[in-house]
């Protein structure tokens, strides 16, 4: 049912501006994130959600010392706190910074004290698990990143019903005799709370949303945040917007979306994707689609004989 609802064509005209315009549905600002953020009024944004650069030398960032990188992140978070509504949320989706000597620095642990410095309260550390990535040789291969979810106050928006997922045992009933609900279904008819570990495929070459951006995140990851932490008509801001996945999620669910990036070609792609999502033509992975699991009948999933021989030589037959 949920997937069917998502496939409905929005056929909506969206007003997109390349400069800050409070009357626009979408703002795609070319330039530094602070140049856009400083134009926004106090307490005007409901959700700030982003995946900032990880300081690992991608084309859109200049690799600096870890201290300088965290100073830049603090500048962004400080401004985000100013523009955040009292019932709003900040979600920082980050992975690891890998030093040149291979040492791993988990960025969520380094972002947390910055949030606390500016009076934010951590509500969840959401683990985003995905199945594909680089294969490491001197440590276990990384297959997860984290979303640190902060709120500005104790009175924050949280709508869990739109993001519920199917229960493992939806037919389970209350078994305690004597209780008023004995024999009745124990679960919520809309599904269960999605918990704090989310398995959502990352955007690789065969993903329907893939663009030229090397590190885009999937729309459905942000959909959960937009639906649970905002209401229709609210403003969603992504300071490092890239090709606009966060703003696609905002427009898809009738929110306003603001974002900035230093590369015009990324903003051009973002605008095209936003207009496609508004008229229902954007190719995307629908929220709630089960993760693909190959079956034994798939040739690529069958164990090659030489692999069996290699395992036997290491561990012995059987």
Protein backbone atom coordinates (compact mmCIF):
# COMPACT_ATOMS: atom_id res chain seq x y z
CA UNK A 1 0.00 0.00 0.00
CA UNK A 2 2.73 2.46 0.98
CA UNK A 3 4.66 1.87 -2.26
CA UNK A 4 1.49 2.31 -4.32
CA UNK A 5 0.85 5.64 -2.63
CA UNK A 6 4.39 6.79 -3.40
CA UNK A 7 3.97 6.09 -7.11
CA UNK A 8 1.13 8.60 -7.46
CA UNK A 9 2.17 11.40 -9.82
CA UNK A 10 2.57 14.72 -8.07
CA UNK A 11 2.30 16.71 -11.33
CA UNK A 12 3.22 19.80 -9.36
CA UNK A 13 4.93 22.91 -10.65
CA UNK A 14 7.70 23.95 -8.30
CA UNK A 15 9.22 27.39 -8.11
CA UNK A 16 13.01 26.99 -8.09
CA UNK A 17 15.26 29.96 -7.33
CA UNK A 18 19.06 30.19 -7.54
CA UNK A 19 18.98 32.98 -4.93
CA UNK A 20 17.33 33.00 -1.51
CA UNK A 21 13.65 33.72 -2.05
CA UNK A 22 11.20 32.90 0.76
CA UNK A 23 8.39 32.55 -1.78
CA UNK A 24 10.23 29.78 -3.67
CA UNK A 25 9.49 26.09 -3.16
CA UNK A 26 13.17 25.29 -3.69
CA UNK A 27 16.33 27.35 -3.32
CA UNK A 28 19.51 26.10 -5.02
CA UNK A 29 22.24 28.52 -4.00
CA UNK A 30 25.60 28.45 -5.77
CA UNK A 31 28.26 29.30 -3.22
CA UNK A 32 29.44 28.66 0.30
CA UNK A 33 26.85 27.23 2.69
CA UNK A 34 27.31 30.10 5.16
CA UNK A 35 26.52 32.66 2.46
CA UNK A 36 23.07 31.10 2.14
CA UNK A 37 22.51 30.30 5.81
CA UNK A 38 23.26 33.83 7.01
CA UNK A 39 20.41 35.09 4.80
CA UNK A 40 17.84 32.86 6.51
CA UNK A 41 15.78 34.32 9.37
CA UNK A 42 16.09 33.06 12.92
CA UNK A 43 13.99 29.98 13.67
CA UNK A 44 12.82 29.56 10.07
CA UNK A 45 13.99 25.99 9.25
CA UNK A 46 12.36 22.85 10.65
CA UNK A 47 14.99 20.30 9.61
CA UNK A 48 18.66 20.72 8.77
CA UNK A 49 19.82 17.46 7.23
CA UNK A 50 23.08 16.93 5.43
CA UNK A 51 25.98 14.68 4.61
CA UNK A 52 28.98 17.00 4.80
CA UNK A 53 32.36 16.30 3.22
CA UNK A 54 34.39 13.75 5.20
CA UNK A 55 37.76 15.48 4.67
CA UNK A 56 39.09 12.64 2.54
CA UNK A 57 40.02 14.62 -0.57
CA UNK A 58 37.00 14.37 -2.88
CA UNK A 59 36.80 16.91 -5.71
CA UNK A 60 34.35 19.13 -3.80
CA UNK A 61 36.60 19.51 -0.74
CA UNK A 62 40.14 20.51 0.11
CA UNK A 63 41.75 18.10 2.53
CA UNK A 64 42.81 19.91 5.69
CA UNK A 65 43.86 19.00 9.20
CA UNK A 66 41.18 17.29 11.24
CA UNK A 67 41.09 20.29 13.59
CA UNK A 68 40.46 22.72 10.73
CA UNK A 69 37.77 20.44 9.33
CA UNK A 70 35.92 20.31 12.67
CA UNK A 71 36.15 24.11 12.95
CA UNK A 72 34.35 24.34 9.59
CA UNK A 73 31.71 21.90 10.78
CA UNK A 74 31.22 23.92 13.96
CA UNK A 75 30.65 27.08 11.91
CA UNK A 76 27.91 25.30 9.99
CA UNK A 77 26.28 23.79 13.07
CA UNK A 78 26.34 27.10 14.94
CA UNK A 79 24.47 28.78 12.10
CA UNK A 80 22.11 25.81 11.82
CA UNK A 81 21.14 26.23 15.49
CA UNK A 82 20.29 29.90 14.90
CA UNK A 83 17.94 29.22 11.99
CA UNK A 84 16.36 26.11 13.54
CA UNK A 85 12.82 26.33 14.90
CA UNK A 86 12.41 25.51 18.58
CA UNK A 87 10.71 22.21 17.66
CA UNK A 88 13.16 21.45 14.85
CA UNK A 89 15.87 18.84 14.28
CA UNK A 90 19.42 18.66 12.97
CA UNK A 91 20.61 15.42 11.34
CA UNK A 92 24.29 15.06 10.44
CA UNK A 93 24.95 11.96 8.33
CA UNK A 94 28.63 11.09 8.52
CA UNK A 95 31.06 8.22 8.15
CA UNK A 96 34.72 8.02 9.08
CA UNK A 97 37.67 10.27 8.38
CA UNK A 98 40.58 8.05 7.38
CA UNK A 99 43.99 9.56 8.10
CA UNK A 100 46.87 9.08 5.66
CA UNK A 101 48.36 6.44 7.97
CA UNK A 102 45.06 4.51 7.93
CA UNK A 103 43.85 5.52 11.40
CA UNK A 104 40.05 5.77 11.60
CA UNK A 105 38.31 8.78 13.17
CA UNK A 106 34.51 8.26 13.55
CA UNK A 107 33.07 11.65 12.67
CA UNK A 108 29.82 11.20 14.58
CA UNK A 109 31.80 11.00 17.83
CA UNK A 110 33.59 14.22 16.91
CA UNK A 111 30.40 16.02 15.88
CA UNK A 112 28.57 15.13 19.11
CA UNK A 113 30.49 17.50 21.43
CA UNK A 114 29.96 20.33 18.94
CA UNK A 115 26.22 19.79 19.14
CA UNK A 116 26.35 19.75 22.94
CA UNK A 117 28.38 22.98 22.95
CA UNK A 118 25.45 24.75 21.27
CA UNK A 119 22.79 23.31 23.55
CA UNK A 120 21.52 20.54 21.29
CA UNK A 121 20.18 17.25 22.65
CA UNK A 122 20.98 13.94 21.00
CA UNK A 123 17.85 11.86 20.34
CA UNK A 124 19.28 9.00 18.29
CA UNK A 125 22.47 7.77 16.75
CA UNK A 126 20.97 6.06 13.71
CA UNK A 127 23.10 3.44 11.98
CA UNK A 128 22.73 3.33 8.22
CA UNK A 129 23.84 -0.08 7.00
CA UNK A 130 24.51 -0.79 3.32
CA UNK A 131 25.85 -3.76 1.43
CA UNK A 132 28.44 -2.40 -0.97
CA UNK A 133 31.68 -0.44 -0.73
CA UNK A 134 35.45 -0.65 -0.80
CA UNK A 135 37.10 -3.90 0.24
CA UNK A 136 39.75 -3.24 2.87
CA UNK A 137 42.89 -5.30 3.35
CA UNK A 138 44.15 -4.03 6.72
CA UNK A 139 40.85 -3.63 8.59
CA UNK A 140 37.30 -4.89 8.32
CA UNK A 141 35.45 -3.34 5.37
CA UNK A 142 33.19 -0.47 6.39
CA UNK A 143 29.51 -1.05 5.65
CA UNK A 144 27.76 1.50 7.80
CA UNK A 145 27.61 5.21 8.52
CA UNK A 146 25.82 7.15 11.25
CA UNK A 147 23.18 9.85 11.47
CA UNK A 148 23.39 11.91 14.65
CA UNK A 149 19.94 13.37 15.32
CA UNK A 150 19.86 16.44 17.55
CA UNK A 151 16.91 18.54 18.68
CA UNK A 152 16.89 22.11 19.93
CA UNK A 153 14.42 21.46 22.75
CA UNK A 154 12.40 18.73 24.43
CA UNK A 155 9.31 19.83 22.49
CA UNK A 156 10.25 18.53 19.05
CA UNK A 157 8.31 17.13 16.09
CA UNK A 158 8.38 13.35 15.77
CA UNK A 159 5.83 11.56 13.59
CA UNK A 160 6.59 7.85 13.61
CA UNK A 161 3.44 6.60 11.82
CA UNK A 162 4.49 7.63 8.26
CA UNK A 163 7.77 5.71 8.57
CA UNK A 164 6.65 2.51 10.27
CA UNK A 165 7.86 -0.76 8.74
CA UNK A 166 6.27 -4.25 8.69
CA UNK A 167 6.50 -6.28 11.89
CA UNK A 168 8.29 -9.61 11.93
CA UNK A 169 5.15 -11.26 13.35
CA UNK A 170 2.18 -9.02 12.49
CA UNK A 171 -0.27 -11.72 13.60
CA UNK A 172 1.07 -11.85 17.16
CA UNK A 173 -1.59 -11.51 19.86
CA UNK A 174 -1.56 -10.57 23.54
CA UNK A 175 -1.26 -13.76 25.55
CA UNK A 176 -1.61 -12.61 29.16
CA UNK A 177 -4.87 -14.00 30.48
CA UNK A 178 -7.06 -11.67 32.46
CA UNK A 179 -5.90 -8.58 30.61
CA UNK A 180 -8.47 -6.50 28.76
CA UNK A 181 -6.60 -6.97 25.50
CA UNK A 182 -6.11 -10.73 25.83
CA UNK A 183 -6.35 -12.45 22.44
CA UNK A 184 -6.20 -9.20 20.52
CA UNK A 185 -3.48 -8.26 18.04
CA UNK A 186 -0.59 -6.69 19.94
CA UNK A 187 1.05 -4.73 17.14
CA UNK A 188 0.30 -1.41 15.53
CA UNK A 189 -1.72 -1.89 12.30
CA UNK A 190 0.58 0.56 10.50
CA UNK A 191 3.69 -1.43 11.38
CA UNK A 192 6.49 -1.09 13.91
CA UNK A 193 8.92 1.68 14.78
CA UNK A 194 11.82 1.33 12.29
CA UNK A 195 14.34 1.26 15.15
CA UNK A 196 17.78 2.85 14.90
CA UNK A 197 19.52 0.51 12.46
CA UNK A 198 18.38 1.12 8.87
CA UNK A 199 19.41 -1.15 6.01
CA UNK A 200 19.05 0.90 2.84
CA UNK A 201 21.17 0.31 -0.29
CA UNK A 202 23.74 3.00 -0.99
CA UNK A 203 23.88 4.64 -4.41
CA UNK A 204 26.26 2.67 -6.59
CA UNK A 205 26.40 2.21 -10.37
CA UNK A 206 23.29 0.01 -10.67
CA UNK A 207 21.14 2.17 -8.37
CA UNK A 208 18.25 3.91 -10.20
CA UNK A 209 19.19 7.27 -8.67
CA UNK A 210 22.87 7.24 -9.66
CA UNK A 211 24.31 10.50 -11.01
CA UNK A 212 27.88 11.67 -11.55
CA UNK A 213 28.20 12.71 -7.89
CA UNK A 214 30.64 10.33 -6.15
CA UNK A 215 28.93 10.30 -2.74
CA UNK A 216 25.21 10.94 -3.10
CA UNK A 217 22.87 9.45 -0.56
CA UNK A 218 19.60 7.66 -1.40
CA UNK A 219 16.37 9.65 -1.33
CA UNK A 220 14.60 7.09 0.87
CA UNK A 221 17.16 7.61 3.64
CA UNK A 222 16.15 11.26 3.86
CA UNK A 223 12.46 10.52 3.33
CA UNK A 224 12.33 8.86 6.75
CA UNK A 225 13.82 11.94 8.36
CA UNK A 226 11.61 14.39 6.46
CA UNK A 227 8.40 12.49 7.20
CA UNK A 228 9.16 11.89 10.87
CA UNK A 229 10.65 15.27 11.79
CA UNK A 230 8.67 17.80 9.72
CA UNK A 231 5.13 18.58 8.61
CA UNK A 232 3.77 19.70 5.24
CA UNK A 233 4.90 23.22 4.37
CA UNK A 234 7.97 23.13 6.64
CA UNK A 235 11.43 24.11 5.40
CA UNK A 236 14.18 21.52 4.98
CA UNK A 237 17.77 22.75 4.53
CA UNK A 238 20.79 20.85 3.24
CA UNK A 239 23.91 23.07 3.51
CA UNK A 240 25.96 20.66 1.37
CA UNK A 241 23.22 19.80 -1.10
CA UNK A 242 25.20 18.08 -3.88
CA UNK A 243 22.77 16.71 -6.46
CA UNK A 244 19.75 17.41 -4.29
CA UNK A 245 18.60 14.10 -2.79
CA UNK A 246 17.46 15.82 0.43
CA UNK A 247 15.48 18.40 -1.52
CA UNK A 248 13.91 15.68 -3.66
CA UNK A 249 12.67 14.08 -0.44
CA UNK A 250 11.33 17.45 0.74
CA UNK A 251 9.46 18.24 -2.50
CA UNK A 252 8.16 14.67 -2.73
CA UNK A 253 6.37 15.16 0.58
CA UNK A 254 5.23 18.78 0.12
CA UNK A 255 7.93 20.54 2.09
CA UNK A 256 10.12 23.43 0.97
CA UNK A 257 13.76 22.65 0.25
CA UNK A 258 16.80 24.92 0.49
CA UNK A 259 20.35 23.93 -0.36
CA UNK A 260 23.76 25.23 -1.38
CA UNK A 261 26.76 23.87 -3.23
CA UNK A 262 29.94 25.31 -4.71
CA UNK A 263 29.58 23.36 -8.00
CA UNK A 264 27.07 24.68 -10.51
CA UNK A 265 26.92 21.40 -12.40
CA UNK A 266 25.72 19.61 -9.26
CA UNK A 267 23.02 22.25 -8.78
CA UNK A 268 21.96 21.83 -12.41
CA UNK A 269 21.55 18.10 -11.84
CA UNK A 270 19.71 18.80 -8.59
CA UNK A 271 17.24 21.11 -10.33
CA UNK A 272 16.54 18.55 -13.04
CA UNK A 273 15.95 15.83 -10.44
CA UNK A 274 13.69 18.07 -8.35
CA UNK A 275 11.53 18.93 -11.36
CA UNK A 276 11.34 15.24 -12.23
CA UNK A 277 10.32 14.26 -8.71
CA UNK A 278 7.67 17.00 -8.76
CA UNK A 279 6.04 15.59 -11.91
CA UNK A 280 6.52 11.96 -10.96
CA UNK A 281 9.11 11.01 -13.58
CA UNK A 282 12.27 10.66 -11.47
CA UNK A 283 13.68 7.16 -11.41
CA UNK A 284 14.15 6.27 -7.75
CA UNK A 285 14.04 3.45 -5.26
CA UNK A 286 10.71 3.61 -3.45
CA UNK A 287 10.77 3.88 0.33
CA UNK A 288 10.08 0.52 1.92
CA UNK A 289 11.28 -1.58 -1.02
CA UNK A 290 12.80 -4.80 0.42
CA UNK A 291 16.57 -5.12 0.08
CA UNK A 292 17.41 -7.50 -2.76
CA UNK A 293 18.56 -10.95 -1.65
CA UNK A 294 19.87 -13.25 -4.42
CA UNK A 295 18.44 -16.76 -4.46
CA UNK A 296 20.25 -20.02 -5.12
CA UNK A 297 18.89 -20.00 -8.65
CA UNK A 298 20.94 -16.91 -9.54
CA UNK A 299 24.19 -18.00 -11.17
CA UNK A 300 26.24 -15.19 -9.63
CA UNK A 301 25.10 -16.33 -6.17
CA UNK A 302 26.37 -19.89 -6.67
CA UNK A 303 29.68 -20.82 -5.08
CA UNK A 304 32.43 -21.39 -7.71
CA UNK A 305 34.29 -24.67 -7.43
CA UNK A 306 37.65 -22.89 -7.05
CA UNK A 307 36.29 -21.01 -4.01
CA UNK A 308 35.23 -24.30 -2.42
CA UNK A 309 38.73 -25.68 -3.04
CA UNK A 310 40.35 -22.59 -1.54
CA UNK A 311 38.20 -22.83 1.60
CA UNK A 312 38.92 -26.52 1.93
CA UNK A 313 42.66 -25.89 1.71
CA UNK A 314 42.42 -23.39 4.58
CA UNK A 315 39.88 -25.02 6.88
CA UNK A 316 39.79 -28.60 5.67
CA UNK A 317 37.00 -30.47 3.91
CA UNK A 318 33.54 -30.53 5.49
